[in-house]
ModelCIF file with pLDDT and N, C-alpha, C, O atoms, coordinates in Angstrom:
data_MODEL
#
_entry.id   MODEL 
#
_entity.id                         1 
_entity.type                       polymer 
_entity.pdbx_number_of_molecules   1 
#
_entity_poly.entity_id                      1 
_entity_poly.type                           'polypeptide(L)' 
_entity_poly.nstd_linkage                   no 
_entity_poly.nstd_monomer                   no 
_entity_poly.pdbx_seq_one_letter_code       AFTYHNSFLIADRKEAWVLETSGKYWAAEKVEGGVRNISNQLS 
_entity_poly.pdbx_seq_one_letter_code_can   AFTYHNSFLIADRKEAWVLETSGKYWAAEKVEGGVRNISNQLS 
_entity_poly.pdbx_strand_id                 A 
#
loop_
_entity_poly_seq.entity_id 
_entity_poly_seq.num 
_entity_poly_seq.mon_id 
_entity_poly_seq.hetero 
1 1  ALA n 
1 2  PHE n 
1 3  THR n 
1 4  TYR n 
1 5  HIS n 
1 6  ASN n 
1 7  SER n 
1 8  PHE n 
1 9  LEU n 
1 10 ILE n 
1 11 ALA n 
1 12 ASP n 
1 13 ARG n 
1 14 LYS n 
1 15 GLU n 
1 16 ALA n 
1 17 TRP n 
1 18 VAL n 
1 19 LEU n 
1 20 GLU n 
1 21 THR n 
1 22 SER n 
1 23 GLY n 
1 24 LYS n 
1 25 TYR n 
1 26 TRP n 
1 27 ALA n 
1 28 ALA n 
1 29 GLU n 
1 30 LYS n 
1 31 VAL n 
1 32 GLU n 
1 33 GLY n 
1 34 GLY n 
1 35 VAL n 
1 36 ARG n 
1 37 ASN n 
1 38 ILE n 
1 39 SER n 
1 40 ASN n 
1 41 GLN n 
1 42 LEU n 
1 43 SER n 
#
_struct_asym.id          A 
_struct_asym.entity_id   1 
#
loop_
_ma_qa_metric.id 
_ma_qa_metric.mode 
_ma_qa_metric.name 
_ma_qa_metric.software_group_id 
_ma_qa_metric.type 
1 global pLDDT . pLDDT 
2 local  pLDDT . pLDDT 
#
_ma_qa_metric_global.metric_id      1 
_ma_qa_metric_global.metric_value   91.51 
_ma_qa_metric_global.model_id       1 
_ma_qa_metric_global.ordinal_id     1 
#
loop_
_ma_qa_metric_local.label_asym_id 
_ma_qa_metric_local.label_comp_id 
_ma_qa_metric_local.label_seq_id 
_ma_qa_metric_local.metric_id 
_ma_qa_metric_local.metric_value 
_ma_qa_metric_local.model_id 
_ma_qa_metric_local.ordinal_id 
A ALA 1  2 71.00 1 1  
A PHE 2  2 67.00 1 2  
A THR 3  2 69.00 1 3  
A TYR 4  2 73.00 1 4  
A HIS 5  2 82.00 1 5  
A ASN 6  2 88.00 1 6  
A SER 7  2 92.00 1 7  
A PHE 8  2 95.00 1 8  
A LEU 9  2 96.00 1 9  
A ILE 10 2 97.00 1 10 
A ALA 11 2 96.00 1 11 
A ASP 12 2 96.00 1 12 
A ARG 13 2 96.00 1 13 
A LYS 14 2 96.00 1 14 
A GLU 15 2 96.00 1 15 
A ALA 16 2 97.00 1 16 
A TRP 17 2 98.00 1 17 
A VAL 18 2 98.00 1 18 
A LEU 19 2 98.00 1 19 
A GLU 20 2 96.00 1 20 
A THR 21 2 94.00 1 21 
A SER 22 2 92.00 1 22 
A GLY 23 2 88.00 1 23 
A LYS 24 2 91.00 1 24 
A TYR 25 2 95.00 1 25 
A TRP 26 2 97.00 1 26 
A ALA 27 2 98.00 1 27 
A ALA 28 2 98.00 1 28 
A GLU 29 2 98.00 1 29 
A LYS 30 2 98.00 1 30 
A VAL 31 2 97.00 1 31 
A GLU 32 2 95.00 1 32 
A GLY 33 2 92.00 1 33 
A GLY 34 2 92.00 1 34 
A VAL 35 2 94.00 1 35 
A ARG 36 2 95.00 1 36 
A ASN 37 2 95.00 1 37 
A ILE 38 2 93.00 1 38 
A SER 39 2 87.00 1 39 
A ASN 40 2 79.00 1 40 
A GLN 41 2 86.00 1 41 
A LEU 42 2 91.00 1 42 
A SER 43 2 93.00 1 43 
#
loop_
_atom_site.group_PDB 
_atom_site.id 
_atom_site.type_symbol 
_atom_site.label_atom_id 
_atom_site.label_alt_id 
_atom_site.label_comp_id 
_atom_site.label_asym_id 
_atom_site.label_entity_id 
_atom_site.label_seq_id 
_atom_site.pdbx_PDB_ins_code 
_atom_site.Cartn_x 
_atom_site.Cartn_y 
_atom_site.Cartn_z 
_atom_site.occupancy 
_atom_site.B_iso_or_equiv 
_atom_site.pdbx_formal_charge 
_atom_site.auth_seq_id 
_atom_site.auth_comp_id 
_atom_site.auth_asym_id 
_atom_site.auth_atom_id 
_atom_site.pdbx_PDB_model_num 
ATOM 1   N N  . ALA A 1 1  ? -13.439 15.252  -16.197 1.00 71.00 ? 1  ALA A N  1 
ATOM 2   C CA . ALA A 1 1  ? -13.573 13.797  -16.270 1.00 71.00 ? 1  ALA A CA 1 
ATOM 3   C C  . ALA A 1 1  ? -12.444 13.155  -15.462 1.00 71.00 ? 1  ALA A C  1 
ATOM 4   O O  . ALA A 1 1  ? -11.268 13.355  -15.766 1.00 71.00 ? 1  ALA A O  1 
ATOM 5   N N  . PHE A 1 2  ? -12.793 12.409  -14.463 1.00 67.00 ? 2  PHE A N  1 
ATOM 6   C CA . PHE A 1 2  ? -11.806 11.719  -13.635 1.00 67.00 ? 2  PHE A CA 1 
ATOM 7   C C  . PHE A 1 2  ? -12.406 10.392  -13.193 1.00 67.00 ? 2  PHE A C  1 
ATOM 8   O O  . PHE A 1 2  ? -13.403 10.363  -12.472 1.00 67.00 ? 2  PHE A O  1 
ATOM 9   N N  . THR A 1 3  ? -11.799 9.305   -13.624 1.00 69.00 ? 3  THR A N  1 
ATOM 10  C CA . THR A 1 3  ? -12.275 7.976   -13.246 1.00 69.00 ? 3  THR A CA 1 
ATOM 11  C C  . THR A 1 3  ? -11.108 7.193   -12.663 1.00 69.00 ? 3  THR A C  1 
ATOM 12  O O  . THR A 1 3  ? -9.948  7.549   -12.868 1.00 69.00 ? 3  THR A O  1 
ATOM 13  N N  . TYR A 1 4  ? -11.412 6.151   -11.953 1.00 73.00 ? 4  TYR A N  1 
ATOM 14  C CA . TYR A 1 4  ? -10.369 5.270   -11.440 1.00 73.00 ? 4  TYR A CA 1 
ATOM 15  C C  . TYR A 1 4  ? -10.963 3.892   -11.192 1.00 73.00 ? 4  TYR A C  1 
ATOM 16  O O  . TYR A 1 4  ? -12.179 3.702   -11.224 1.00 73.00 ? 4  TYR A O  1 
ATOM 17  N N  . HIS A 1 5  ? -10.082 2.946   -10.946 1.00 82.00 ? 5  HIS A N  1 
ATOM 18  C CA . HIS A 1 5  ? -10.499 1.585   -10.653 1.00 82.00 ? 5  HIS A CA 1 
ATOM 19  C C  . HIS A 1 5  ? -10.618 1.450   -9.145  1.00 82.00 ? 5  HIS A C  1 
ATOM 20  O O  . HIS A 1 5  ? -10.088 2.276   -8.402  1.00 82.00 ? 5  HIS A O  1 
ATOM 21  N N  . ASN A 1 6  ? -11.300 0.430   -8.694  1.00 88.00 ? 6  ASN A N  1 
ATOM 22  C CA . ASN A 1 6  ? -11.686 0.378   -7.290  1.00 88.00 ? 6  ASN A CA 1 
ATOM 23  C C  . ASN A 1 6  ? -11.013 -0.724  -6.500  1.00 88.00 ? 6  ASN A C  1 
ATOM 24  O O  . ASN A 1 6  ? -10.619 -1.759  -7.038  1.00 88.00 ? 6  ASN A O  1 
ATOM 25  N N  . SER A 1 7  ? -10.895 -0.473  -5.211  1.00 92.00 ? 7  SER A N  1 
ATOM 26  C CA . SER A 1 7  ? -10.419 -1.440  -4.233  1.00 92.00 ? 7  SER A CA 1 
ATOM 27  C C  . SER A 1 7  ? -11.458 -1.534  -3.137  1.00 92.00 ? 7  SER A C  1 
ATOM 28  O O  . SER A 1 7  ? -12.163 -0.567  -2.848  1.00 92.00 ? 7  SER A O  1 
ATOM 29  N N  . PHE A 1 8  ? -11.549 -2.704  -2.529  1.00 95.00 ? 8  PHE A N  1 
ATOM 30  C CA . PHE A 1 8  ? -12.560 -2.941  -1.505  1.00 95.00 ? 8  PHE A CA 1 
ATOM 31  C C  . PHE A 1 8  ? -11.959 -3.711  -0.335  1.00 95.00 ? 8  PHE A C  1 
ATOM 32  O O  . PHE A 1 8  ? -11.175 -4.639  -0.530  1.00 95.00 ? 8  PHE A O  1 
ATOM 33  N N  . LEU A 1 9  ? -12.331 -3.321  0.878   1.00 96.00 ? 9  LEU A N  1 
ATOM 34  C CA . LEU A 1 9  ? -12.116 -4.136  2.074   1.00 96.00 ? 9  LEU A CA 1 
ATOM 35  C C  . LEU A 1 9  ? -13.464 -4.778  2.370   1.00 96.00 ? 9  LEU A C  1 
ATOM 36  O O  . LEU A 1 9  ? -14.460 -4.075  2.541   1.00 96.00 ? 9  LEU A O  1 
ATOM 37  N N  . ILE A 1 10 ? -13.504 -6.098  2.433   1.00 97.00 ? 10 ILE A N  1 
ATOM 38  C CA . ILE A 1 10 ? -14.762 -6.816  2.619   1.00 97.00 ? 10 ILE A CA 1 
ATOM 39  C C  . ILE A 1 10 ? -14.583 -7.745  3.807   1.00 97.00 ? 10 ILE A C  1 
ATOM 40  O O  . ILE A 1 10 ? -13.688 -8.590  3.812   1.00 97.00 ? 10 ILE A O  1 
ATOM 41  N N  . ALA A 1 11 ? -15.443 -7.588  4.824   1.00 96.00 ? 11 ALA A N  1 
ATOM 42  C CA . ALA A 1 11 ? -15.268 -8.389  6.032   1.00 96.00 ? 11 ALA A CA 1 
ATOM 43  C C  . ALA A 1 11 ? -16.605 -8.896  6.558   1.00 96.00 ? 11 ALA A C  1 
ATOM 44  O O  . ALA A 1 11 ? -17.643 -8.256  6.389   1.00 96.00 ? 11 ALA A O  1 
ATOM 45  N N  . ASP A 1 12 ? -16.555 -10.051 7.196   1.00 96.00 ? 12 ASP A N  1 
ATOM 46  C CA . ASP A 1 12 ? -17.683 -10.545 7.974   1.00 96.00 ? 12 ASP A CA 1 
ATOM 47  C C  . ASP A 1 12 ? -17.131 -10.933 9.339   1.00 96.00 ? 12 ASP A C  1 
ATOM 48  O O  . ASP A 1 12 ? -15.999 -10.576 9.666   1.00 96.00 ? 12 ASP A O  1 
ATOM 49  N N  . ARG A 1 13 ? -17.887 -11.636 10.120  1.00 96.00 ? 13 ARG A N  1 
ATOM 50  C CA . ARG A 1 13 ? -17.436 -11.991 11.478  1.00 96.00 ? 13 ARG A CA 1 
ATOM 51  C C  . ARG A 1 13 ? -16.262 -12.963 11.483  1.00 96.00 ? 13 ARG A C  1 
ATOM 52  O O  . ARG A 1 13 ? -15.539 -13.042 12.476  1.00 96.00 ? 13 ARG A O  1 
ATOM 53  N N  . LYS A 1 14 ? -16.059 -13.699 10.404  1.00 96.00 ? 14 LYS A N  1 
ATOM 54  C CA . LYS A 1 14 ? -15.047 -14.762 10.396  1.00 96.00 ? 14 LYS A CA 1 
ATOM 55  C C  . LYS A 1 14 ? -13.835 -14.479 9.528   1.00 96.00 ? 14 LYS A C  1 
ATOM 56  O O  . LYS A 1 14 ? -12.748 -14.990 9.799   1.00 96.00 ? 14 LYS A O  1 
ATOM 57  N N  . GLU A 1 15 ? -14.005 -13.668 8.481   1.00 96.00 ? 15 GLU A N  1 
ATOM 58  C CA . GLU A 1 15 ? -12.871 -13.447 7.586   1.00 96.00 ? 15 GLU A CA 1 
ATOM 59  C C  . GLU A 1 15 ? -12.965 -12.099 6.894   1.00 96.00 ? 15 GLU A C  1 
ATOM 60  O O  . GLU A 1 15 ? -14.004 -11.439 6.897   1.00 96.00 ? 15 GLU A O  1 
ATOM 61  N N  . ALA A 1 16 ? -11.836 -11.713 6.298   1.00 97.00 ? 16 ALA A N  1 
ATOM 62  C CA . ALA A 1 16 ? -11.773 -10.448 5.560   1.00 97.00 ? 16 ALA A CA 1 
ATOM 63  C C  . ALA A 1 16 ? -11.008 -10.667 4.267   1.00 97.00 ? 16 ALA A C  1 
ATOM 64  O O  . ALA A 1 16 ? -10.114 -11.509 4.181   1.00 97.00 ? 16 ALA A O  1 
ATOM 65  N N  . TRP A 1 17 ? -11.383 -9.888  3.267   1.00 98.00 ? 17 TRP A N  1 
ATOM 66  C CA . TRP A 1 17 ? -10.762 -9.943  1.951   1.00 98.00 ? 17 TRP A CA 1 
ATOM 67  C C  . TRP A 1 17 ? -10.440 -8.530  1.472   1.00 98.00 ? 17 TRP A C  1 
ATOM 68  O O  . TRP A 1 17 ? -11.124 -7.568  1.821   1.00 98.00 ? 17 TRP A O  1 
ATOM 69  N N  . VAL A 1 18 ? -9.391  -8.425  0.668   1.00 98.00 ? 18 VAL A N  1 
ATOM 70  C CA . VAL A 1 18 ? -9.107  -7.218  -0.092  1.00 98.00 ? 18 VAL A CA 1 
ATOM 71  C C  . VAL A 1 18 ? -9.331  -7.603  -1.548  1.00 98.00 ? 18 VAL A C  1 
ATOM 72  O O  . VAL A 1 18 ? -8.788  -8.598  -2.027  1.00 98.00 ? 18 VAL A O  1 
ATOM 73  N N  . LEU A 1 19 ? -10.130 -6.812  -2.241  1.00 98.00 ? 19 LEU A N  1 
ATOM 74  C CA . LEU A 1 19 ? -10.386 -7.012  -3.667  1.00 98.00 ? 19 LEU A CA 1 
ATOM 75  C C  . LEU A 1 19 ? -9.936  -5.753  -4.388  1.00 98.00 ? 19 LEU A C  1 
ATOM 76  O O  . LEU A 1 19 ? -10.365 -4.652  -4.045  1.00 98.00 ? 19 LEU A O  1 
ATOM 77  N N  . GLU A 1 20 ? -9.074  -5.910  -5.385  1.00 96.00 ? 20 GLU A N  1 
ATOM 78  C CA . GLU A 1 20 ? -8.600  -4.765  -6.156  1.00 96.00 ? 20 GLU A CA 1 
ATOM 79  C C  . GLU A 1 20 ? -8.817  -5.032  -7.635  1.00 96.00 ? 20 GLU A C  1 
ATOM 80  O O  . GLU A 1 20 ? -8.684  -6.163  -8.104  1.00 96.00 ? 20 GLU A O  1 
ATOM 81  N N  . THR A 1 21 ? -9.155  -3.965  -8.367  1.00 94.00 ? 21 THR A N  1 
ATOM 82  C CA . THR A 1 21 ? -9.541  -4.116  -9.758  1.00 94.00 ? 21 THR A CA 1 
ATOM 83  C C  . THR A 1 21 ? -8.718  -3.225  -10.679 1.00 94.00 ? 21 THR A C  1 
ATOM 84  O O  . THR A 1 21 ? -8.196  -2.186  -10.275 1.00 94.00 ? 21 THR A O  1 
ATOM 85  N N  . SER A 1 22 ? -8.622  -3.661  -11.914 1.00 92.00 ? 22 SER A N  1 
ATOM 86  C CA . SER A 1 22 ? -8.015  -2.873  -12.982 1.00 92.00 ? 22 SER A CA 1 
ATOM 87  C C  . SER A 1 22 ? -8.794  -3.208  -14.244 1.00 92.00 ? 22 SER A C  1 
ATOM 88  O O  . SER A 1 22 ? -8.582  -4.252  -14.860 1.00 92.00 ? 22 SER A O  1 
ATOM 89  N N  . GLY A 1 23 ? -9.704  -2.305  -14.622 1.00 88.00 ? 23 GLY A N  1 
ATOM 90  C CA . GLY A 1 23 ? -10.619 -2.629  -15.710 1.00 88.00 ? 23 GLY A CA 1 
ATOM 91  C C  . GLY A 1 23 ? -11.476 -3.801  -15.292 1.00 88.00 ? 23 GLY A C  1 
ATOM 92  O O  . GLY A 1 23 ? -12.068 -3.782  -14.213 1.00 88.00 ? 23 GLY A O  1 
ATOM 93  N N  . LYS A 1 24 ? -11.554 -4.827  -16.136 1.00 91.00 ? 24 LYS A N  1 
ATOM 94  C CA . LYS A 1 24 ? -12.328 -6.010  -15.761 1.00 91.00 ? 24 LYS A CA 1 
ATOM 95  C C  . LYS A 1 24 ? -11.481 -7.036  -15.010 1.00 91.00 ? 24 LYS A C  1 
ATOM 96  O O  . LYS A 1 24 ? -11.997 -8.046  -14.533 1.00 91.00 ? 24 LYS A O  1 
ATOM 97  N N  . TYR A 1 25 ? -10.194 -6.772  -14.911 1.00 95.00 ? 25 TYR A N  1 
ATOM 98  C CA . TYR A 1 25 ? -9.286  -7.711  -14.248 1.00 95.00 ? 25 TYR A CA 1 
ATOM 99  C C  . TYR A 1 25 ? -9.221  -7.404  -12.756 1.00 95.00 ? 25 TYR A C  1 
ATOM 100 O O  . TYR A 1 25 ? -9.383  -6.257  -12.340 1.00 95.00 ? 25 TYR A O  1 
ATOM 101 N N  . TRP A 1 26 ? -8.984  -8.439  -11.960 1.00 97.00 ? 26 TRP A N  1 
ATOM 102 C CA . TRP A 1 26 ? -9.018  -8.263  -10.519 1.00 97.00 ? 26 TRP A CA 1 
ATOM 103 C C  . TRP A 1 26 ? -8.169  -9.318  -9.823  1.00 97.00 ? 26 TRP A C  1 
ATOM 104 O O  . TRP A 1 26 ? -7.863  -10.371 -10.383 1.00 97.00 ? 26 TRP A O  1 
ATOM 105 N N  . ALA A 1 27 ? -7.802  -9.005  -8.593  1.00 98.00 ? 27 ALA A N  1 
ATOM 106 C CA . ALA A 1 27 ? -7.114  -9.944  -7.707  1.00 98.00 ? 27 ALA A CA 1 
ATOM 107 C C  . ALA A 1 27 ? -7.709  -9.769  -6.317  1.00 98.00 ? 27 ALA A C  1 
ATOM 108 O O  . ALA A 1 27 ? -8.088  -8.667  -5.923  1.00 98.00 ? 27 ALA A O  1 
ATOM 109 N N  . ALA A 1 28 ? -7.784  -10.873 -5.584  1.00 98.00 ? 28 ALA A N  1 
ATOM 110 C CA . ALA A 1 28 ? -8.324  -10.840 -4.222  1.00 98.00 ? 28 ALA A CA 1 
ATOM 111 C C  . ALA A 1 28 ? -7.360  -11.541 -3.277  1.00 98.00 ? 28 ALA A C  1 
ATOM 112 O O  . ALA A 1 28 ? -6.784  -12.581 -3.596  1.00 98.00 ? 28 ALA A O  1 
ATOM 113 N N  . GLU A 1 29 ? -7.206  -10.946 -2.118  1.00 98.00 ? 29 GLU A N  1 
ATOM 114 C CA . GLU A 1 29 ? -6.316  -11.480 -1.081  1.00 98.00 ? 29 GLU A CA 1 
ATOM 115 C C  . GLU A 1 29 ? -7.129  -11.725 0.184   1.00 98.00 ? 29 GLU A C  1 
ATOM 116 O O  . GLU A 1 29 ? -7.807  -10.824 0.677   1.00 98.00 ? 29 GLU A O  1 
ATOM 117 N N  . LYS A 1 30 ? -7.059  -12.936 0.702   1.00 98.00 ? 30 LYS A N  1 
ATOM 118 C CA . LYS A 1 30 ? -7.690  -13.225 1.990   1.00 98.00 ? 30 LYS A CA 1 
ATOM 119 C C  . LYS A 1 30 ? -6.759  -12.709 3.078   1.00 98.00 ? 30 LYS A C  1 
ATOM 120 O O  . LYS A 1 30 ? -5.570  -13.028 3.090   1.00 98.00 ? 30 LYS A O  1 
ATOM 121 N N  . VAL A 1 31 ? -7.300  -11.917 3.985   1.00 97.00 ? 31 VAL A N  1 
ATOM 122 C CA . VAL A 1 31 ? -6.491  -11.363 5.072   1.00 97.00 ? 31 VAL A CA 1 
ATOM 123 C C  . VAL A 1 31 ? -6.326  -12.461 6.119   1.00 97.00 ? 31 VAL A C  1 
ATOM 124 O O  . VAL A 1 31 ? -7.308  -12.961 6.668   1.00 97.00 ? 31 VAL A O  1 
ATOM 125 N N  . GLU A 1 32 ? -5.094  -12.825 6.384   1.00 95.00 ? 32 GLU A N  1 
ATOM 126 C CA . GLU A 1 32 ? -4.816  -13.945 7.281   1.00 95.00 ? 32 GLU A CA 1 
ATOM 127 C C  . GLU A 1 32 ? -4.505  -13.517 8.710   1.00 95.00 ? 32 GLU A C  1 
ATOM 128 O O  . GLU A 1 32 ? -4.441  -14.362 9.603   1.00 95.00 ? 32 GLU A O  1 
ATOM 129 N N  . GLY A 1 33 ? -4.312  -12.231 8.940   1.00 92.00 ? 33 GLY A N  1 
ATOM 130 C CA . GLY A 1 33 ? -3.998  -11.767 10.289  1.00 92.00 ? 33 GLY A CA 1 
ATOM 131 C C  . GLY A 1 33 ? -3.302  -10.427 10.226  1.00 92.00 ? 33 GLY A C  1 
ATOM 132 O O  . GLY A 1 33 ? -3.022  -9.904  9.147   1.00 92.00 ? 33 GLY A O  1 
ATOM 133 N N  . GLY A 1 34 ? -3.028  -9.885  11.384  1.00 92.00 ? 34 GLY A N  1 
ATOM 134 C CA . GLY A 1 34 ? -2.348  -8.594  11.435  1.00 92.00 ? 34 GLY A CA 1 
ATOM 135 C C  . GLY A 1 34 ? -3.275  -7.464  11.044  1.00 92.00 ? 34 GLY A C  1 
ATOM 136 O O  . GLY A 1 34 ? -4.467  -7.502  11.346  1.00 92.00 ? 34 GLY A O  1 
ATOM 137 N N  . VAL A 1 35 ? -2.738  -6.461  10.377  1.00 94.00 ? 35 VAL A N  1 
ATOM 138 C CA . VAL A 1 35 ? -3.525  -5.324  9.924   1.00 94.00 ? 35 VAL A CA 1 
ATOM 139 C C  . VAL A 1 35 ? -3.411  -5.233  8.407   1.00 94.00 ? 35 VAL A C  1 
ATOM 140 O O  . VAL A 1 35 ? -2.428  -5.677  7.813   1.00 94.00 ? 35 VAL A O  1 
ATOM 141 N N  . ARG A 1 36 ? -4.432  -4.652  7.799   1.00 95.00 ? 36 ARG A N  1 
ATOM 142 C CA . ARG A 1 36 ? -4.440  -4.511  6.334   1.00 95.00 ? 36 ARG A CA 1 
ATOM 143 C C  . ARG A 1 36 ? -5.201  -3.260  5.984   1.00 95.00 ? 36 ARG A C  1 
ATOM 144 O O  . ARG A 1 36 ? -6.237  -2.977  6.586   1.00 95.00 ? 36 ARG A O  1 
ATOM 145 N N  . ASN A 1 37 ? -4.712  -2.505  5.025   1.00 95.00 ? 37 ASN A N  1 
ATOM 146 C CA . ASN A 1 37 ? -5.395  -1.300  4.576   1.00 95.00 ? 37 ASN A CA 1 
ATOM 147 C C  . ASN A 1 37 ? -5.350  -1.203  3.070   1.00 95.00 ? 37 ASN A C  1 
ATOM 148 O O  . ASN A 1 37 ? -4.573  -1.891  2.406   1.00 95.00 ? 37 ASN A O  1 
ATOM 149 N N  . ILE A 1 38 ? -6.199  -0.333  2.540   1.00 93.00 ? 38 ILE A N  1 
ATOM 150 C CA . ILE A 1 38 ? -6.179  -0.011  1.119   1.00 93.00 ? 38 ILE A CA 1 
ATOM 151 C C  . ILE A 1 38 ? -6.189  1.504   1.017   1.00 93.00 ? 38 ILE A C  1 
ATOM 152 O O  . ILE A 1 38 ? -6.522  2.200   1.976   1.00 93.00 ? 38 ILE A O  1 
ATOM 153 N N  . SER A 1 39 ? -5.824  2.003   -0.143  1.00 87.00 ? 39 SER A N  1 
ATOM 154 C CA . SER A 1 39 ? -5.894  3.442   -0.368  1.00 87.00 ? 39 SER A CA 1 
ATOM 155 C C  . SER A 1 39 ? -6.028  3.680   -1.854  1.00 87.00 ? 39 SER A C  1 
ATOM 156 O O  . SER A 1 39 ? -6.698  2.919   -2.553  1.00 87.00 ? 39 SER A O  1 
ATOM 157 N N  . ASN A 1 40 ? -5.399  4.726   -2.338  1.00 79.00 ? 40 ASN A N  1 
ATOM 158 C CA . ASN A 1 40 ? -5.562  5.115   -3.727  1.00 79.00 ? 40 ASN A CA 1 
ATOM 159 C C  . ASN A 1 40 ? -4.475  4.512   -4.624  1.00 79.00 ? 40 ASN A C  1 
ATOM 160 O O  . ASN A 1 40 ? -3.942  5.191   -5.502  1.00 79.00 ? 40 ASN A O  1 
ATOM 161 N N  . GLN A 1 41 ? -4.160  3.268   -4.404  1.00 86.00 ? 41 GLN A N  1 
ATOM 162 C CA . GLN A 1 41 ? -3.210  2.542   -5.246  1.00 86.00 ? 41 GLN A CA 1 
ATOM 163 C C  . GLN A 1 41 ? -3.460  1.055   -5.056  1.00 86.00 ? 41 GLN A C  1 
ATOM 164 O O  . GLN A 1 41 ? -4.063  0.648   -4.063  1.00 86.00 ? 41 GLN A O  1 
ATOM 165 N N  . LEU A 1 42 ? -3.006  0.248   -5.993  1.00 91.00 ? 42 LEU A N  1 
ATOM 166 C CA . LEU A 1 42 ? -3.113  -1.198  -5.825  1.00 91.00 ? 42 LEU A CA 1 
ATOM 167 C C  . LEU A 1 42 ? -2.128  -1.630  -4.755  1.00 91.00 ? 42 LEU A C  1 
ATOM 168 O O  . LEU A 1 42 ? -1.017  -1.106  -4.677  1.00 91.00 ? 42 LEU A O  1 
ATOM 169 N N  . SER A 1 43 ? -2.536  -2.591  -3.925  1.00 93.00 ? 43 SER A N  1 
ATOM 170 C CA . SER A 1 43 ? -1.663  -3.028  -2.832  1.00 93.00 ? 43 SER A CA 1 
ATOM 171 C C  . SER A 1 43 ? -1.497  -4.538  -2.755  1.00 93.00 ? 43 SER A C  1 
ATOM 172 O O  . SER A 1 43 ? -0.789  -5.037  -1.881  1.00 93.00 ? 43 SER A O  1 
#
């Protein structure tokens, strides 16, 4: 049994978002420029 909470990179032609979750709680960051990545930790 191995579970974890999820992170997402979400992009369209005009903007990008990072969405990260912990249980039902979440935070989202609008990417304003530069580079952005996600991995196996909250960022």
